[in-house]
Amino acid sequence: MYGSGPCKVRDCTAHMHEPERRRSRRFPLKQLAYMRPLEGEQETLSGVTQNVSKDGVLLLAEKCLPLGLRTELVLVLESRLERSIRLNGTCEVRRVEQTAPEGKYAIAFSCDQPFALMD
């Protein structure tokens, strides 16, 4: 189960002056997202995106995910139309930081391909 036992998190203050590693520009976007592991029978988790790009996503979640975990990530974009727009992609957990004071986890994902529209 996620979040039980030790979780490898990064001290976000120790890396503030590292060079930029992103391949593409990120845009602020706060929307609901679901993470479903591609291996095993683990539960689907939800979180809220903080920013997105064509190559990655940063989101806040209640539970920690292990580094290297491959997931299907579904972004739910609220729409003024009849229904929300859902995008999905295959992503890998690259970084996890515990946030304060909320006690949530900031999880950075890198994505294999740009997100695709779901049916």
C-alpha atoms as a PDB file:
ATOM      1  CA  MET A   1       0.000   0.000   0.000  1.00  0.00           C
ATOM      2  CA  TYR A   2       1.236   3.471  -0.773  1.00  0.00           C
ATOM      3  CA  GLY A   3       2.458   5.705   1.968  1.00  0.00           C
ATOM      4  CA  SER A   4       3.022   2.856   4.422  1.00  0.00           C
ATOM      5  CA  GLY A   5       6.606   2.367   5.478  1.00  0.00           C
ATOM      6  CA  PRO A   6       9.529   4.591   4.589  1.00  0.00           C
ATOM      7  CA  CYS A   7       9.126   6.778   1.545  1.00  0.00           C
ATOM      8  CA  LYS A   8      12.179   8.140  -0.237  1.00  0.00           C
ATOM      9  CA  VAL A   9      11.592  11.878  -0.422  1.00  0.00           C
ATOM     10  CA  ARG A  10      13.915  14.653  -1.445  1.00  0.00           C
ATOM     11  CA  ASP A  11      14.766  17.645   0.731  1.00  0.00           C
ATOM     12  CA  CYS A  12      13.488  20.423  -1.531  1.00  0.00           C
ATOM     13  CA  THR A  13      15.638  23.146   0.089  1.00  0.00           C
ATOM     14  CA  ALA A  14      18.897  21.294  -0.633  1.00  0.00           C
ATOM     15  CA  HIS A  15      18.335  21.429  -4.404  1.00  0.00           C
ATOM     16  CA  MET A  16      17.104  24.991  -4.908  1.00  0.00           C
ATOM     17  CA  HIS A  17      20.196  26.093  -6.831  1.00  0.00           C
ATOM     18  CA  GLU A  18      20.528  23.127  -9.199  1.00  0.00           C
ATOM     19  CA  PRO A  19      20.469  23.859 -12.947  1.00  0.00           C
ATOM     20  CA  GLU A  20      17.140  23.537 -14.749  1.00  0.00           C
ATOM     21  CA  ARG A  21      16.526  19.935 -15.904  1.00  0.00           C
ATOM     22  CA  ARG A  22      13.178  20.302 -17.656  1.00  0.00           C
ATOM     23  CA  ARG A  23      13.017  19.621 -21.385  1.00  0.00           C
ATOM     24  CA  SER A  24      10.002  21.843 -22.022  1.00  0.00           C
ATOM     25  CA  ARG A  25       8.121  24.766 -20.524  1.00  0.00           C
ATOM     26  CA  ARG A  26       5.665  24.058 -17.710  1.00  0.00           C
ATOM     27  CA  PHE A  27       2.315  25.770 -17.341  1.00  0.00           C
ATOM     28  CA  PRO A  28       0.434  26.264 -14.071  1.00  0.00           C
ATOM     29  CA  LEU A  29      -2.674  24.084 -14.020  1.00  0.00           C
ATOM     30  CA  LYS A  30      -4.629  22.903 -10.993  1.00  0.00           C
ATOM     31  CA  GLN A  31      -6.885  20.029 -12.030  1.00  0.00           C
ATOM     32  CA  LEU A  32      -7.848  16.622 -10.717  1.00  0.00           C
ATOM     33  CA  ALA A  33      -5.602  13.708 -11.756  1.00  0.00           C
ATOM     34  CA  TYR A  34      -5.678   9.944 -11.199  1.00  0.00           C
ATOM     35  CA  MET A  35      -2.632   7.678 -10.979  1.00  0.00           C
ATOM     36  CA  ARG A  36      -2.969   3.942 -11.716  1.00  0.00           C
ATOM     37  CA  PRO A  37       0.147   1.739 -11.435  1.00  0.00           C
ATOM     38  CA  LEU A  38       0.874  -0.273 -14.578  1.00  0.00           C
ATOM     39  CA  GLU A  39       2.155  -3.258 -12.572  1.00  0.00           C
ATOM     40  CA  GLY A  40       0.642  -5.048  -9.622  1.00  0.00           C
ATOM     41  CA  GLU A  41      -2.788  -4.767  -8.109  1.00  0.00           C
ATOM     42  CA  GLN A  42      -2.351  -1.497  -6.257  1.00  0.00           C
ATOM     43  CA  GLU A  43      -5.103   1.056  -5.836  1.00  0.00           C
ATOM     44  CA  THR A  44      -5.717   4.080  -8.039  1.00  0.00           C
ATOM     45  CA  LEU A  45      -4.807   7.325  -6.270  1.00  0.00           C
ATOM     46  CA  SER A  46      -5.893  10.875  -6.920  1.00  0.00           C
ATOM     47  CA  GLY A  47      -4.116  14.193  -6.703  1.00  0.00           C
ATOM     48  CA  VAL A  48      -4.214  17.764  -7.984  1.00  0.00           C
ATOM     49  CA  THR A  49      -1.830  18.949 -10.687  1.00  0.00           C
ATOM     50  CA  GLN A  50       0.338  21.971  -9.943  1.00  0.00           C
ATOM     51  CA  ASN A  51       1.915  22.370 -13.372  1.00  0.00           C
ATOM     52  CA  VAL A  52       2.073  20.438 -16.646  1.00  0.00           C
ATOM     53  CA  SER A  53       4.131  20.275 -19.821  1.00  0.00           C
ATOM     54  CA  LYS A  54       4.261  18.009 -22.833  1.00  0.00           C
ATOM     55  CA  ASP A  55       6.946  15.967 -21.030  1.00  0.00           C
ATOM     56  CA  GLY A  56       5.812  15.921 -17.413  1.00  0.00           C
ATOM     57  CA  VAL A  57       3.469  16.750 -14.576  1.00  0.00           C
ATOM     58  CA  LEU A  58       3.900  17.911 -10.998  1.00  0.00           C
ATOM     59  CA  LEU A  59       1.032  17.079  -8.676  1.00  0.00           C
ATOM     60  CA  LEU A  60       0.163  17.016  -4.979  1.00  0.00           C
ATOM     61  CA  ALA A  61      -1.117  13.771  -3.468  1.00  0.00           C
ATOM     62  CA  GLU A  62      -2.015  12.487  -0.005  1.00  0.00           C
ATOM     63  CA  LYS A  63       0.261   9.448  -0.323  1.00  0.00           C
ATOM     64  CA  CYS A  64       3.824   8.875  -1.408  1.00  0.00           C
ATOM     65  CA  LEU A  65       4.632   6.896  -4.561  1.00  0.00           C
ATOM     66  CA  PRO A  66       7.933   5.045  -5.015  1.00  0.00           C
ATOM     67  CA  LEU A  67      10.548   6.463  -7.360  1.00  0.00           C
ATOM     68  CA  GLY A  68      10.570   4.715 -10.722  1.00  0.00           C
ATOM     69  CA  LEU A  69       6.925   3.580 -10.485  1.00  0.00           C
ATOM     70  CA  ARG A  70       5.315   3.544 -13.931  1.00  0.00           C
ATOM     71  CA  THR A  71       1.703   4.677 -13.991  1.00  0.00           C
ATOM     72  CA  GLU A  72      -1.139   5.592 -16.244  1.00  0.00           C
ATOM     73  CA  LEU A  73      -1.866   9.213 -15.408  1.00  0.00           C
ATOM     74  CA  VAL A  74      -5.314  10.606 -16.224  1.00  0.00           C
ATOM     75  CA  LEU A  75      -5.849  14.370 -16.154  1.00  0.00           C
ATOM     76  CA  VAL A  76      -9.437  15.592 -15.785  1.00  0.00           C
ATOM     77  CA  LEU A  77      -9.865  19.036 -17.333  1.00  0.00           C
ATOM     78  CA  GLU A  78     -13.008  20.769 -16.191  1.00  0.00           C
ATOM     79  CA  SER A  79     -15.037  22.095 -19.085  1.00  0.00           C
ATOM     80  CA  ARG A  80     -18.039  24.335 -19.488  1.00  0.00           C
ATOM     81  CA  LEU A  81     -19.334  21.794 -21.961  1.00  0.00           C
ATOM     82  CA  GLU A  82     -21.541  18.864 -20.958  1.00  0.00           C
ATOM     83  CA  ARG A  83     -18.673  16.762 -19.680  1.00  0.00           C
ATOM     84  CA  SER A  84     -15.065  17.071 -18.578  1.00  0.00           C
ATOM     85  CA  ILE A  85     -12.190  16.384 -20.930  1.00  0.00           C
ATOM     86  CA  ARG A  86      -9.946  13.491 -19.921  1.00  0.00           C
ATOM     87  CA  LEU A  87      -6.351  13.091 -21.094  1.00  0.00           C
ATOM     88  CA  ASN A  88      -4.132  10.110 -20.351  1.00  0.00           C
ATOM     89  CA  GLY A  89      -0.503   9.134 -20.688  1.00  0.00           C
ATOM     90  CA  THR A  90       2.103   6.714 -19.404  1.00  0.00           C
ATOM     91  CA  CYS A  91       4.429   8.322 -16.878  1.00  0.00           C
ATOM     92  CA  GLU A  92       7.186   7.483 -14.401  1.00  0.00           C
ATOM     93  CA  VAL A  93       7.700   8.885 -10.890  1.00  0.00           C
ATOM     94  CA  ARG A  94      10.961  10.872 -11.015  1.00  0.00           C
ATOM     95  CA  ARG A  95      10.933  12.879  -7.780  1.00  0.00           C
ATOM     96  CA  VAL A  96       8.956  12.974  -4.532  1.00  0.00           C
ATOM     97  CA  GLU A  97       9.078  15.797  -1.974  1.00  0.00           C
ATOM     98  CA  GLN A  98       7.105  16.086   1.237  1.00  0.00           C
ATOM     99  CA  THR A  99       5.436  19.487   1.450  1.00  0.00           C
ATOM    100  CA  ALA A 100       4.852  21.515   4.567  1.00  0.00           C
ATOM    101  CA  PRO A 101       2.596  22.408   6.284  1.00  0.00           C
ATOM    102  CA  GLU A 102       0.004  20.382   4.334  1.00  0.00           C
ATOM    103  CA  GLY A 103       1.825  17.067   4.832  1.00  0.00           C
ATOM    104  CA  LYS A 104       1.163  16.106   1.216  1.00  0.00           C
ATOM    105  CA  TYR A 105       3.619  14.840  -1.356  1.00  0.00           C
ATOM    106  CA  ALA A 106       4.731  16.743  -4.453  1.00  0.00           C
ATOM    107  CA  ILE A 107       5.264  14.052  -7.089  1.00  0.00           C
ATOM    108  CA  ALA A 108       7.059  14.803 -10.353  1.00  0.00           C
ATOM    109  CA  PHE A 109       6.301  12.538 -13.314  1.00  0.00           C
ATOM    110  CA  SER A 110       8.088  12.299 -16.640  1.00  0.00           C
ATOM    111  CA  CYS A 111       5.910  11.178 -19.526  1.00  0.00           C
ATOM    112  CA  ASP A 112       6.847   8.888 -22.399  1.00  0.00           C
ATOM    113  CA  GLN A 113       4.682  10.770 -24.909  1.00  0.00           C
ATOM    114  CA  PRO A 114       2.395  13.788 -24.894  1.00  0.00           C
ATOM    115  CA  PHE A 115      -1.007  13.158 -23.312  1.00  0.00           C
ATOM    116  CA  ALA A 116      -3.789  11.819 -25.526  1.00  0.00           C
ATOM    117  CA  LEU A 117      -7.512  12.510 -25.483  1.00  0.00           C
ATOM    118  CA  MET A 118      -9.522   9.664 -23.938  1.00  0.00           C
ATOM    119  CA  ASP A 119     -12.798   8.477 -25.450  1.00  0.00           C
END
